[in-house]
């Protein structure tokens, strides 16, 4: 895990002190809200419906136990005893007072954390695969590149005031768990026929008002060229990106309007203008950063764990949880534990301070002091001995964290919606809760199988509804909240944008509508066929007919 050097420590403390002065001037009335707004946004502070919201960066989703405990401390001291983990691997506090914010930033700096560039028209927090460094299918751990990009992009003088916000995601595995095709820039690692590794560079993906799948501009870029090539992309965007209309300012619009081929040629021309030596990343620097992410000293264990298997045989609930919530680890005798923050009827992504401390304790004892935040608003223990899994499960069960729904109907992604967000047009949380209660029966979830349900409370798509197998978008219709349903979305390697089925539903009708869709799927699926595959085979027609038959 990356540790701050002297520059990092000074950089974060200086920013905190700067913000303390700015906030003090605002509280004294020396700055208007209009003058203060860009200053607070540069530090991740939003003004929401009821209070300020602070968004804290968790680079590439990696946390230590000490950092997680500090997040719990902040929740208790300055919020209401909980935090909300987001689809960008961050955490948000929804009840912050302006006069406390600088103290919170100081507390974050104490554990090498900050809120810089979690907002504003800049390069945001770099995200990656939440199983990075542990996954059985991984070519190489992408987090060193994530850290390289963090250092490169933090307060970059040329890219701190872009036409619009900018998001980068990185994956080191062929199975895309980082949603790289729906980011402004997505990086995907490949190994060629000679055994060398290089990066596929994908540009122009994104969700929101105009959802798009990114296009590949380089199939195989050597790692030492990465910074130079990304700078060429950013310069082309900075030069040609629109600043007259925020709805058309994202790089996806630029790629779409001038065409992928023209965009590629502009990037290649810009890249060729710069002497490669001026931007090439030295091998020793790559090695220096990579050393911070060295794999933990795993024991050499047999693949078969008698104690683990015996515990499964003796406890059906534990057995079901292991089937759904464990991931394949690269080392024999180890597994990846996925902790669902989606209890039946709960608020997706929320964790109390007590739950945060428990997860920190479990990571310290059983997972080499490391946790991850996932895009699906869950927490991951990446390196766990199978022999320890039963003890972890019992502790999670006692804390209300043992929902066995990872990747299933109960594992719903949802933004805060109109309960908190000033931009939202409808509530997301009650809709997620009603669907969760509808499918609380474990046998029903297992029958349905793998499924992604995503909910957004407005067109900005913070809940990534466009790429849910089932997507739900809340809209305002003459003062009433209505919900539009899409099917067939995916953020995986075969990424796709969901298709709108038809007219929307009132909030109290949504859970029943989802049940109708899933009952239709169960009737038409072929043996072993998951929901997305079935939808892609038969299309929208049978689902639409079933859903609107009574209309």
Protein backbone atom coordinates (compact mmCIF):
# COMPACT_ATOMS: atom_id res chain seq x y z
CA UNK A 1 0.00 0.00 0.00
CA UNK A 2 1.34 3.43 -0.91
CA UNK A 3 2.75 5.56 1.92
CA UNK A 4 3.16 9.33 1.78
CA UNK A 5 6.63 10.77 1.34
CA UNK A 6 7.69 14.19 2.69
CA UNK A 7 6.24 15.98 -0.32
CA UNK A 8 2.85 14.28 0.07
CA UNK A 9 2.66 15.16 3.77
CA UNK A 10 3.52 18.81 3.16
CA UNK A 11 1.26 19.07 0.13
CA UNK A 12 -1.81 17.80 2.01
CA UNK A 13 -1.13 19.88 5.15
CA UNK A 14 -0.63 23.03 3.10
CA UNK A 15 -3.93 22.47 1.30
CA UNK A 16 -5.71 21.92 4.63
CA UNK A 17 -4.30 25.13 6.07
CA UNK A 18 -5.27 26.99 2.94
CA UNK A 19 -8.82 25.72 3.15
CA UNK A 20 -9.04 26.56 6.86
CA UNK A 21 -8.37 30.20 5.97
CA UNK A 22 -10.90 30.13 3.12
CA UNK A 23 -13.63 28.59 5.29
CA UNK A 24 -12.96 31.11 8.05
CA UNK A 25 -13.38 33.96 5.57
CA UNK A 26 -16.67 32.45 4.37
CA UNK A 27 -17.97 32.09 7.94
CA UNK A 28 -17.07 35.73 8.63
CA UNK A 29 -18.89 36.86 5.50
CA UNK A 30 -15.72 38.01 3.74
CA UNK A 31 -16.46 35.57 0.89
CA UNK A 32 -19.86 35.12 -0.75
CA UNK A 33 -21.16 31.63 -1.47
CA UNK A 34 -20.49 32.25 -5.16
CA UNK A 35 -16.86 33.14 -4.39
CA UNK A 36 -16.47 30.27 -1.95
CA UNK A 37 -18.04 27.58 -4.13
CA UNK A 38 -15.02 26.84 -6.40
CA UNK A 39 -12.73 26.83 -3.35
CA UNK A 40 -14.78 24.29 -1.43
CA UNK A 41 -15.33 22.10 -4.49
CA UNK A 42 -11.56 21.85 -4.99
CA UNK A 43 -11.55 20.23 -1.54
CA UNK A 44 -14.47 17.85 -2.06
CA UNK A 45 -17.04 19.90 -0.12
CA UNK A 46 -20.56 20.11 -1.57
CA UNK A 47 -23.59 22.01 -0.32
CA UNK A 48 -26.46 19.52 -0.42
CA UNK A 49 -30.14 19.72 0.55
CA UNK A 50 -29.70 19.63 4.32
CA UNK A 51 -26.03 20.19 5.05
CA UNK A 52 -22.56 20.15 3.55
CA UNK A 53 -21.32 16.83 2.16
CA UNK A 54 -17.62 15.95 2.20
CA UNK A 55 -16.32 13.42 -0.32
CA UNK A 56 -13.08 11.75 0.78
CA UNK A 57 -10.71 10.23 -1.77
CA UNK A 58 -9.75 6.58 -1.46
CA UNK A 59 -7.20 6.21 -4.28
CA UNK A 60 -7.72 3.00 -6.27
CA UNK A 61 -10.08 1.91 -3.48
CA UNK A 62 -7.35 0.75 -1.07
CA UNK A 63 -7.51 1.36 2.69
CA UNK A 64 -5.53 0.29 5.74
CA UNK A 65 -7.18 -0.63 9.03
CA UNK A 66 -5.85 2.58 10.57
CA UNK A 67 -7.46 4.63 7.82
CA UNK A 68 -10.79 2.83 8.14
CA UNK A 69 -10.79 3.45 11.90
CA UNK A 70 -10.15 7.14 11.24
CA UNK A 71 -13.13 7.22 8.89
CA UNK A 72 -15.20 5.76 11.73
CA UNK A 73 -13.85 8.39 14.13
CA UNK A 74 -14.82 11.17 11.71
CA UNK A 75 -18.31 9.68 11.35
CA UNK A 76 -18.79 9.75 15.11
CA UNK A 77 -17.25 13.13 15.86
CA UNK A 78 -18.46 15.24 12.95
CA UNK A 79 -21.30 13.35 11.24
CA UNK A 80 -24.15 11.12 12.45
CA UNK A 81 -22.21 7.93 13.09
CA UNK A 82 -22.05 6.55 9.56
CA UNK A 83 -20.57 7.12 6.11
CA UNK A 84 -21.66 6.33 2.57
CA UNK A 85 -19.32 4.41 0.25
CA UNK A 86 -19.74 5.39 -3.40
CA UNK A 87 -19.46 3.95 -6.89
CA UNK A 88 -16.12 5.76 -7.32
CA UNK A 89 -14.52 3.97 -4.37
CA UNK A 90 -14.82 7.07 -2.17
CA UNK A 91 -16.66 7.74 1.07
CA UNK A 92 -19.09 10.61 1.63
CA UNK A 93 -20.22 12.25 4.86
CA UNK A 94 -23.64 13.83 4.44
CA UNK A 95 -24.04 15.94 7.60
CA UNK A 96 -20.93 18.12 7.77
CA UNK A 97 -20.73 21.62 9.30
CA UNK A 98 -18.57 24.12 7.47
CA UNK A 99 -16.82 25.20 10.66
CA UNK A 100 -15.68 21.58 11.24
CA UNK A 101 -14.40 20.83 7.76
CA UNK A 102 -10.78 21.93 8.17
CA UNK A 103 -10.52 19.84 11.35
CA UNK A 104 -11.83 16.84 9.40
CA UNK A 105 -9.24 17.43 6.67
CA UNK A 106 -6.55 17.56 9.37
CA UNK A 107 -7.80 14.26 10.78
CA UNK A 108 -7.64 12.76 7.30
CA UNK A 109 -4.10 14.04 6.81
CA UNK A 110 -3.10 12.29 10.05
CA UNK A 111 -3.68 8.96 8.28
CA UNK A 112 -2.46 9.97 4.80
CA UNK A 113 -5.87 10.77 3.32
CA UNK A 114 -7.50 13.85 1.81
CA UNK A 115 -10.45 15.14 -0.21
CA UNK A 116 -8.48 16.92 -2.94
CA UNK A 117 -9.84 16.57 -6.50
CA UNK A 118 -12.90 14.58 -5.48
CA UNK A 119 -14.86 17.37 -7.13
CA UNK A 120 -14.46 20.09 -9.73
CA UNK A 121 -13.37 20.15 -13.38
CA UNK A 122 -10.18 18.24 -12.85
CA UNK A 123 -8.89 14.66 -12.96
CA UNK A 124 -10.83 12.95 -10.19
CA UNK A 125 -9.85 10.07 -7.89
CA UNK A 126 -8.35 7.24 -10.01
CA UNK A 127 -10.27 3.98 -9.55
CA UNK A 128 -9.40 0.37 -10.24
CA UNK A 129 -10.37 -3.27 -9.78
CA UNK A 130 -11.32 -3.89 -6.14
CA UNK A 131 -9.71 -7.34 -6.37
CA UNK A 132 -6.40 -5.89 -7.62
CA UNK A 133 -3.31 -7.74 -6.44
CA UNK A 134 -5.35 -10.75 -5.34
CA UNK A 135 -7.50 -11.91 -8.26
CA UNK A 136 -6.78 -15.28 -9.84
CA UNK A 137 -7.32 -13.90 -13.37
CA UNK A 138 -5.05 -10.88 -13.01
CA UNK A 139 -2.15 -10.23 -15.40
CA UNK A 140 -0.55 -7.71 -13.04
CA UNK A 141 -1.60 -5.46 -10.15
CA UNK A 142 -2.81 -2.15 -11.72
CA UNK A 143 -2.57 -0.11 -8.51
CA UNK A 144 1.03 1.05 -9.08
CA UNK A 145 -0.20 2.66 -12.29
CA UNK A 146 -3.12 4.09 -10.34
CA UNK A 147 -0.64 5.68 -7.92
CA UNK A 148 1.51 6.93 -10.80
CA UNK A 149 -1.57 8.62 -12.24
CA UNK A 150 -2.51 10.07 -8.85
CA UNK A 151 0.88 11.71 -8.50
CA UNK A 152 0.87 12.93 -12.10
CA UNK A 153 -2.64 14.37 -11.99
CA UNK A 154 -2.66 16.00 -8.53
CA UNK A 155 -2.72 19.77 -9.15
CA UNK A 156 -1.32 19.31 -12.67
CA UNK A 157 -1.02 22.96 -13.79
CA UNK A 158 -2.28 22.23 -17.29
CA UNK A 159 -5.24 20.06 -16.32
CA UNK A 160 -6.61 21.59 -13.11
CA UNK A 161 -9.32 23.60 -14.92
CA UNK A 162 -10.61 21.30 -17.63
CA UNK A 163 -13.80 21.85 -19.65
CA UNK A 164 -15.51 19.32 -17.33
CA UNK A 165 -14.76 16.71 -14.68
CA UNK A 166 -12.52 13.84 -15.79
CA UNK A 167 -12.49 10.24 -14.57
CA UNK A 168 -9.90 7.49 -15.12
CA UNK A 169 -10.23 3.77 -14.33
CA UNK A 170 -7.57 1.05 -14.55
CA UNK A 171 -7.76 -2.75 -14.64
CA UNK A 172 -5.08 -5.42 -14.76
CA UNK A 173 -7.39 -8.34 -15.50
CA UNK A 174 -9.19 -9.60 -18.63
CA UNK A 175 -12.46 -9.69 -16.68
CA UNK A 176 -13.25 -6.00 -16.27
CA UNK A 177 -14.33 -5.20 -12.71
CA UNK A 178 -13.33 -1.53 -13.03
CA UNK A 179 -15.82 -0.40 -15.71
CA UNK A 180 -13.03 1.00 -17.89
CA UNK A 181 -15.22 1.39 -20.98
CA UNK A 182 -17.53 3.92 -19.34
CA UNK A 183 -14.84 6.31 -18.11
CA UNK A 184 -13.29 9.36 -19.78
CA UNK A 185 -10.11 7.28 -19.98
CA UNK A 186 -10.03 3.55 -19.32
CA UNK A 187 -6.81 1.56 -19.16
CA UNK A 188 -6.83 -2.21 -19.61
CA UNK A 189 -3.73 -4.36 -19.29
CA UNK A 190 -2.84 -6.98 -21.93
CA UNK A 191 -0.02 -9.44 -22.49
CA UNK A 192 1.15 -9.87 -26.10
CA UNK A 193 2.44 -12.96 -27.90
CA UNK A 194 6.00 -12.21 -26.77
CA UNK A 195 4.94 -12.08 -23.13
CA UNK A 196 5.33 -8.30 -22.76
CA UNK A 197 2.59 -6.30 -21.06
CA UNK A 198 1.07 -3.08 -22.33
CA UNK A 199 -2.01 -0.93 -21.91
CA UNK A 200 -5.08 -0.65 -24.08
CA UNK A 201 -6.16 3.00 -23.94
CA UNK A 202 -9.91 3.62 -24.15
CA UNK A 203 -11.27 7.16 -24.40
CA UNK A 204 -14.68 8.80 -24.43
CA UNK A 205 -16.80 6.57 -22.25
CA UNK A 206 -19.20 7.97 -19.70
CA UNK A 207 -22.73 7.92 -18.36
CA UNK A 208 -24.91 10.85 -17.30
CA UNK A 209 -27.13 12.73 -19.72
CA UNK A 210 -25.47 11.20 -22.79
CA UNK A 211 -24.22 7.67 -22.02
CA UNK A 212 -21.48 6.32 -24.30
CA UNK A 213 -19.08 3.40 -24.52
CA UNK A 214 -15.45 4.46 -24.98
CA UNK A 215 -13.36 3.80 -28.09
CA UNK A 216 -9.88 2.29 -28.17
CA UNK A 217 -7.23 4.76 -29.34
CA UNK A 218 -4.21 2.53 -28.65
CA UNK A 219 -4.33 -1.26 -28.48
CA UNK A 220 -0.98 -1.77 -26.79
CA UNK A 221 0.95 1.06 -25.16
CA UNK A 222 4.19 0.32 -23.26
CA UNK A 223 3.96 1.39 -19.63
CA UNK A 224 6.83 3.86 -19.78
CA UNK A 225 4.93 5.81 -22.48
CA UNK A 226 1.74 6.03 -20.46
CA UNK A 227 2.11 9.50 -18.95
CA UNK A 228 3.22 11.08 -22.21
CA UNK A 229 0.34 9.53 -24.11
CA UNK A 230 -2.25 10.52 -21.52
CA UNK A 231 -0.91 14.07 -21.57
CA UNK A 232 -1.46 14.11 -25.34
CA UNK A 233 -5.07 13.03 -24.81
CA UNK A 234 -5.60 15.67 -22.15
CA UNK A 235 -4.10 18.42 -24.34
CA UNK A 236 -6.39 17.56 -27.23
CA UNK A 237 -9.36 17.63 -24.86
CA UNK A 238 -8.25 20.87 -23.24
CA UNK A 239 -7.81 22.48 -26.65
CA UNK A 240 -10.98 21.29 -28.38
CA UNK A 241 -13.37 20.48 -25.52
CA UNK A 242 -16.37 22.80 -25.32
CA UNK A 243 -16.55 25.30 -22.48
CA UNK A 244 -19.70 27.11 -23.61
CA UNK A 245 -22.12 24.32 -22.63
CA UNK A 246 -21.49 22.06 -19.64
CA UNK A 247 -23.79 19.41 -21.06
CA UNK A 248 -21.53 19.08 -24.10
CA UNK A 249 -18.19 19.58 -22.36
CA UNK A 250 -17.19 15.98 -21.53
CA UNK A 251 -14.54 14.30 -23.65
CA UNK A 252 -17.11 11.73 -24.83
CA UNK A 253 -18.94 14.52 -26.68
CA UNK A 254 -15.71 15.66 -28.33
CA UNK A 255 -14.90 12.12 -29.50
CA UNK A 256 -18.44 11.71 -30.78
CA UNK A 257 -18.61 15.05 -32.58
CA UNK A 258 -15.28 14.92 -34.41
CA UNK A 259 -15.31 11.15 -34.79
CA UNK A 260 -13.05 8.49 -33.27
CA UNK A 261 -10.61 8.44 -36.22
CA UNK A 262 -10.12 12.22 -36.17
CA UNK A 263 -9.67 12.18 -32.40
CA UNK A 264 -7.06 9.42 -32.62
CA UNK A 265 -5.12 11.29 -35.29
CA UNK A 266 -5.13 14.48 -33.19
CA UNK A 267 -3.82 12.56 -30.17
CA UNK A 268 -1.10 10.81 -32.16
CA UNK A 269 -0.01 14.12 -33.71
CA UNK A 270 0.15 15.77 -30.28
CA UNK A 271 2.07 12.83 -28.87
CA UNK A 272 4.57 12.97 -31.74
CA UNK A 273 5.25 16.68 -31.10
CA UNK A 274 6.76 16.07 -27.70
CA UNK A 275 10.19 14.49 -27.34
CA UNK A 276 9.50 11.10 -25.77
CA UNK A 277 12.31 11.54 -23.27
CA UNK A 278 10.53 14.54 -21.75
CA UNK A 279 7.54 12.47 -20.59
CA UNK A 280 8.88 8.92 -20.42
CA UNK A 281 8.51 7.37 -16.98
CA UNK A 282 11.84 6.05 -15.74
CA UNK A 283 11.93 2.37 -14.94
CA UNK A 284 13.33 3.09 -11.50
CA UNK A 285 10.33 5.30 -10.73
CA UNK A 286 7.91 2.57 -11.81
CA UNK A 287 9.84 0.12 -9.63
CA UNK A 288 9.84 2.53 -6.69
CA UNK A 289 6.07 2.88 -6.78
CA UNK A 290 5.51 -0.83 -7.46
CA UNK A 291 7.52 -1.71 -4.34
CA UNK A 292 4.80 -0.15 -2.19
CA UNK A 293 2.34 -2.65 -3.63
CA UNK A 294 4.45 -5.76 -3.15
CA UNK A 295 2.30 -8.80 -2.52
CA UNK A 296 1.97 -9.83 1.12
CA UNK A 297 3.96 -12.82 2.35
CA UNK A 298 1.36 -15.50 1.77
CA UNK A 299 1.85 -18.93 3.27
CA UNK A 300 2.18 -21.94 1.03
CA UNK A 301 -1.11 -23.69 1.69
CA UNK A 302 -2.94 -26.64 0.17
CA UNK A 303 -5.83 -25.83 -2.11
CA UNK A 304 -8.18 -27.91 0.06
CA UNK A 305 -9.05 -26.62 3.54
CA UNK A 306 -10.73 -29.35 5.64
CA UNK A 307 -11.85 -26.90 8.33
CA UNK A 308 -13.43 -24.57 5.79
CA UNK A 309 -15.27 -27.43 4.06
CA UNK A 310 -16.44 -28.85 7.37
CA UNK A 311 -17.83 -25.47 8.44
CA UNK A 312 -19.81 -25.26 5.20
CA UNK A 313 -21.28 -28.72 5.74
CA UNK A 314 -22.30 -27.85 9.28
CA UNK A 315 -23.86 -24.46 8.57
CA UNK A 316 -26.14 -23.90 5.52
CA UNK A 317 -26.19 -20.11 5.98
CA UNK A 318 -22.40 -19.95 6.00
CA UNK A 319 -22.26 -22.26 2.99
CA UNK A 320 -24.56 -20.00 0.98
CA UNK A 321 -22.55 -16.93 1.97
CA UNK A 322 -19.30 -18.55 0.82
CA UNK A 323 -20.88 -19.47 -2.50
CA UNK A 324 -21.98 -15.91 -3.21
CA UNK A 325 -19.51 -13.66 -1.39
CA UNK A 326 -16.09 -15.24 -1.93
CA UNK A 327 -13.88 -14.58 -4.96
CA UNK A 328 -11.09 -16.70 -6.49
CA UNK A 329 -7.66 -15.79 -5.12
CA UNK A 330 -4.41 -16.26 -7.04
CA UNK A 331 -2.89 -18.33 -4.21
CA UNK A 332 -3.99 -21.78 -3.07
CA UNK A 333 -5.60 -21.82 0.36
CA UNK A 334 -6.65 -18.16 0.15
CA UNK A 335 -9.82 -16.39 -0.94
CA UNK A 336 -11.22 -12.89 -1.47
CA UNK A 337 -13.97 -11.94 0.99
CA UNK A 338 -16.63 -9.55 -0.31
CA UNK A 339 -18.56 -7.86 2.50
CA UNK A 340 -21.98 -6.71 1.33
CA UNK A 341 -23.12 -3.31 2.63
CA UNK A 342 -26.64 -4.19 1.43
CA UNK A 343 -28.64 -5.79 4.26
CA UNK A 344 -32.26 -6.64 3.46
CA UNK A 345 -34.13 -3.34 3.37
CA UNK A 346 -30.94 -1.38 4.09
CA UNK A 347 -29.39 1.68 2.46
CA UNK A 348 -26.85 0.61 -0.19
CA UNK A 349 -23.29 1.64 0.65
CA UNK A 350 -23.92 2.91 4.17
CA UNK A 351 -21.77 1.65 7.04
CA UNK A 352 -21.96 2.67 10.68
CA UNK A 353 -18.86 3.65 12.59
CA UNK A 354 -19.09 0.40 14.54
CA UNK A 355 -19.22 -1.62 11.33
CA UNK A 356 -16.22 0.30 9.97
CA UNK A 357 -14.22 -0.51 13.11
CA UNK A 358 -15.18 -4.17 12.92
CA UNK A 359 -14.09 -4.39 9.27
CA UNK A 360 -10.83 -2.67 10.21
CA UNK A 361 -10.28 -5.22 12.98
CA UNK A 362 -10.97 -8.12 10.62
CA UNK A 363 -8.59 -6.73 8.01
CA UNK A 364 -5.86 -6.25 10.59
CA UNK A 365 -6.24 -9.76 11.94
CA UNK A 366 -7.04 -11.76 8.82
CA UNK A 367 -6.20 -9.77 5.64
CA UNK A 368 -2.73 -8.25 6.01
CA UNK A 369 -4.19 -4.97 7.26
CA UNK A 370 -5.83 -4.15 3.94
CA UNK A 371 -9.36 -3.37 2.77
CA UNK A 372 -10.84 -2.30 -0.55
CA UNK A 373 -13.89 -0.28 -1.54
CA UNK A 374 -15.70 -1.67 -4.58
CA UNK A 375 -17.60 0.07 -7.38
CA UNK A 376 -20.69 -1.76 -6.13
CA UNK A 377 -20.47 0.07 -2.76
CA UNK A 378 -19.18 -2.94 -0.84
CA UNK A 379 -16.00 -3.65 1.15
CA UNK A 380 -13.42 -6.31 0.27
CA UNK A 381 -10.86 -8.22 2.37
CA UNK A 382 -8.45 -9.21 -0.42
CA UNK A 383 -6.14 -11.82 1.17
CA UNK A 384 -7.87 -14.23 3.55
CA UNK A 385 -6.95 -17.80 4.45
CA UNK A 386 -9.85 -20.16 3.88
CA UNK A 387 -9.24 -21.48 7.39
CA UNK A 388 -10.16 -18.03 8.75
CA UNK A 389 -13.32 -17.44 6.73
CA UNK A 390 -15.76 -19.00 9.21
CA UNK A 391 -14.50 -16.79 12.06
CA UNK A 392 -14.87 -13.73 9.80
CA UNK A 393 -18.40 -14.71 8.84
CA UNK A 394 -19.48 -15.12 12.46
CA UNK A 395 -18.15 -11.65 13.30
CA UNK A 396 -19.88 -10.15 10.25
CA UNK A 397 -23.15 -11.88 11.09
CA UNK A 398 -23.13 -10.41 14.60
CA UNK A 399 -22.64 -6.93 13.11
CA UNK A 400 -25.35 -7.19 10.44
CA UNK A 401 -22.78 -7.48 7.64
CA UNK A 402 -23.28 -11.09 6.55
CA UNK A 403 -25.79 -10.56 3.73
CA UNK A 404 -25.13 -13.38 1.24
CA UNK A 405 -26.26 -11.33 -1.75
CA UNK A 406 -23.00 -10.23 -3.40
CA UNK A 407 -23.65 -9.92 -7.14
CA UNK A 408 -27.31 -10.90 -6.72
CA UNK A 409 -30.68 -9.14 -6.66
CA UNK A 410 -30.13 -7.74 -3.17
CA UNK A 411 -26.75 -6.22 -4.05
CA UNK A 412 -28.30 -3.01 -5.39
CA UNK A 413 -26.22 0.02 -6.37
CA UNK A 414 -27.91 3.33 -5.57
CA UNK A 415 -26.96 6.98 -5.28
CA UNK A 416 -28.19 9.05 -2.28
CA UNK A 417 -30.89 10.59 -4.48
CA UNK A 418 -33.38 13.19 -3.33
CA UNK A 419 -32.94 12.28 0.33
CA UNK A 420 -29.65 14.20 0.23
CA UNK A 421 -28.62 15.45 -3.20
CA UNK A 422 -29.49 18.94 -4.43
CA UNK A 423 -29.32 17.77 -8.05
CA UNK A 424 -31.63 14.77 -7.71
CA UNK A 425 -35.10 14.69 -9.22
CA UNK A 426 -36.32 11.60 -7.31
CA UNK A 427 -35.46 9.43 -4.36
CA UNK A 428 -33.23 6.38 -4.83
CA UNK A 429 -32.87 4.97 -1.33
CA UNK A 430 -36.55 4.03 -0.72
CA UNK A 431 -36.71 2.35 -4.13
CA UNK A 432 -33.60 0.29 -3.36
CA UNK A 433 -35.05 -0.66 0.02
CA UNK A 434 -38.37 -1.77 -1.45
CA UNK A 435 -36.67 -3.95 -4.08
CA UNK A 436 -34.33 -5.37 -1.44
CA UNK A 437 -37.28 -6.35 0.74
CA UNK A 438 -39.10 -7.82 -2.25
CA UNK A 439 -36.18 -10.17 -2.93
CA UNK A 440 -35.09 -10.79 0.65
CA UNK A 441 -35.82 -14.50 0.29
CA UNK A 442 -32.44 -16.17 -0.23
CA UNK A 443 -33.89 -19.05 -2.27
CA UNK A 444 -35.42 -16.55 -4.71
CA UNK A 445 -32.12 -14.68 -5.10
CA UNK A 446 -30.25 -17.93 -5.72
CA UNK A 447 -32.84 -18.99 -8.30
CA UNK A 448 -32.41 -15.69 -10.17
CA UNK A 449 -28.60 -15.87 -9.99
CA UNK A 450 -26.11 -13.15 -10.93
CA UNK A 451 -27.78 -9.80 -11.44
CA UNK A 452 -26.91 -6.10 -11.27
CA UNK A 453 -29.65 -3.62 -10.35
CA UNK A 454 -28.58 0.04 -10.45
CA UNK A 455 -30.62 3.07 -9.37
CA UNK A 456 -29.99 6.77 -10.02
CA UNK A 457 -32.03 9.66 -8.65
CA UNK A 458 -31.33 11.90 -11.64
CA UNK A 459 -29.89 12.00 -15.14
CA UNK A 460 -26.36 12.52 -13.79
CA UNK A 461 -26.30 8.73 -13.24
CA UNK A 462 -24.23 8.50 -10.05
CA UNK A 463 -25.92 5.12 -9.54
CA UNK A 464 -24.68 3.97 -12.97
CA UNK A 465 -28.19 2.93 -13.99
CA UNK A 466 -27.25 2.92 -17.69
CA UNK A 467 -24.98 -0.10 -17.16
CA UNK A 468 -27.14 -2.09 -14.77
CA UNK A 469 -28.57 -5.33 -16.10
CA UNK A 470 -31.70 -3.66 -14.78
CA UNK A 471 -31.37 0.12 -14.56
CA UNK A 472 -33.77 2.46 -12.78
CA UNK A 473 -33.78 6.24 -13.30
CA UNK A 474 -35.84 8.52 -11.08
CA UNK A 475 -37.43 11.51 -12.80
CA UNK A 476 -39.79 14.33 -11.88
CA UNK A 477 -43.05 14.22 -13.81
CA UNK A 478 -45.29 17.20 -13.01
CA UNK A 479 -44.23 17.15 -9.39
CA UNK A 480 -44.46 13.35 -9.05
CA UNK A 481 -41.56 10.94 -8.84
CA UNK A 482 -41.56 8.43 -11.70
CA UNK A 483 -39.04 5.73 -12.50
CA UNK A 484 -37.85 4.71 -15.94
CA UNK A 485 -36.58 1.13 -16.36
CA UNK A 486 -33.81 0.03 -18.72
CA UNK A 487 -32.58 -3.48 -19.48
CA UNK A 488 -29.39 -4.92 -20.93
CA UNK A 489 -26.71 -2.61 -19.57
CA UNK A 490 -23.26 -3.80 -18.54
CA UNK A 491 -19.99 -2.21 -17.40
CA UNK A 492 -17.95 -5.38 -17.99
CA UNK A 493 -15.62 -6.11 -20.90
CA UNK A 494 -18.60 -6.48 -23.28
CA UNK A 495 -19.99 -3.15 -22.08
CA UNK A 496 -23.40 -1.93 -23.20
CA UNK A 497 -25.89 0.83 -22.46
CA UNK A 498 -29.32 -0.33 -21.32
CA UNK A 499 -32.44 0.13 -23.45
CA UNK A 500 -35.50 1.97 -22.10
CA UNK A 501 -38.47 -0.40 -21.89
CA UNK A 502 -41.30 2.11 -21.97
CA UNK A 503 -43.28 4.48 -19.77
CA UNK A 504 -42.13 4.96 -16.18
CA UNK A 505 -43.65 3.72 -12.96
CA UNK A 506 -44.66 5.39 -9.71
CA UNK A 507 -42.34 4.66 -6.81
CA UNK A 508 -44.68 2.15 -5.14
CA UNK A 509 -44.91 0.20 -8.42
CA UNK A 510 -41.21 -0.27 -9.09
CA UNK A 511 -40.52 -3.34 -6.95
CA UNK A 512 -43.48 -5.19 -8.50
CA UNK A 513 -42.27 -4.19 -11.97
CA UNK A 514 -38.83 -5.64 -11.24
CA UNK A 515 -40.47 -8.83 -9.99
CA UNK A 516 -42.43 -9.10 -13.25
CA UNK A 517 -39.22 -8.68 -15.26
CA UNK A 518 -37.42 -11.36 -13.28
CA UNK A 519 -40.34 -13.79 -13.37
CA UNK A 520 -40.34 -13.37 -17.15
CA UNK A 521 -36.61 -14.11 -17.22
CA UNK A 522 -37.05 -17.29 -15.16
CA UNK A 523 -39.67 -18.55 -17.63
CA UNK A 524 -37.64 -17.93 -20.79
CA UNK A 525 -34.05 -18.59 -19.77
CA UNK A 526 -32.12 -21.57 -21.00
CA UNK A 527 -30.33 -23.91 -18.55
CA UNK A 528 -27.51 -22.04 -16.80
CA UNK A 529 -28.26 -18.78 -18.63
CA UNK A 530 -27.80 -15.59 -16.57
CA UNK A 531 -30.12 -12.61 -16.90
CA UNK A 532 -27.92 -10.48 -19.16
CA UNK A 533 -27.24 -13.35 -21.55
CA UNK A 534 -30.95 -14.16 -21.73
CA UNK A 535 -31.84 -10.53 -22.44
CA UNK A 536 -29.23 -10.30 -25.19
CA UNK A 537 -30.60 -13.48 -26.74
CA UNK A 538 -34.31 -12.60 -26.75
CA UNK A 539 -34.29 -8.79 -26.67
CA UNK A 540 -36.70 -6.45 -24.93
CA UNK A 541 -39.97 -7.66 -26.44
CA UNK A 542 -41.01 -10.42 -23.99
CA UNK A 543 -40.13 -8.25 -21.01
CA UNK A 544 -42.04 -5.28 -22.39
CA UNK A 545 -45.07 -7.42 -23.15
CA UNK A 546 -45.11 -8.86 -19.63
CA UNK A 547 -44.56 -5.48 -17.97
CA UNK A 548 -47.18 -3.50 -19.84
CA UNK A 549 -49.73 -6.25 -20.47
CA UNK A 550 -52.16 -4.85 -17.92
CA UNK A 551 -51.79 -1.27 -19.14
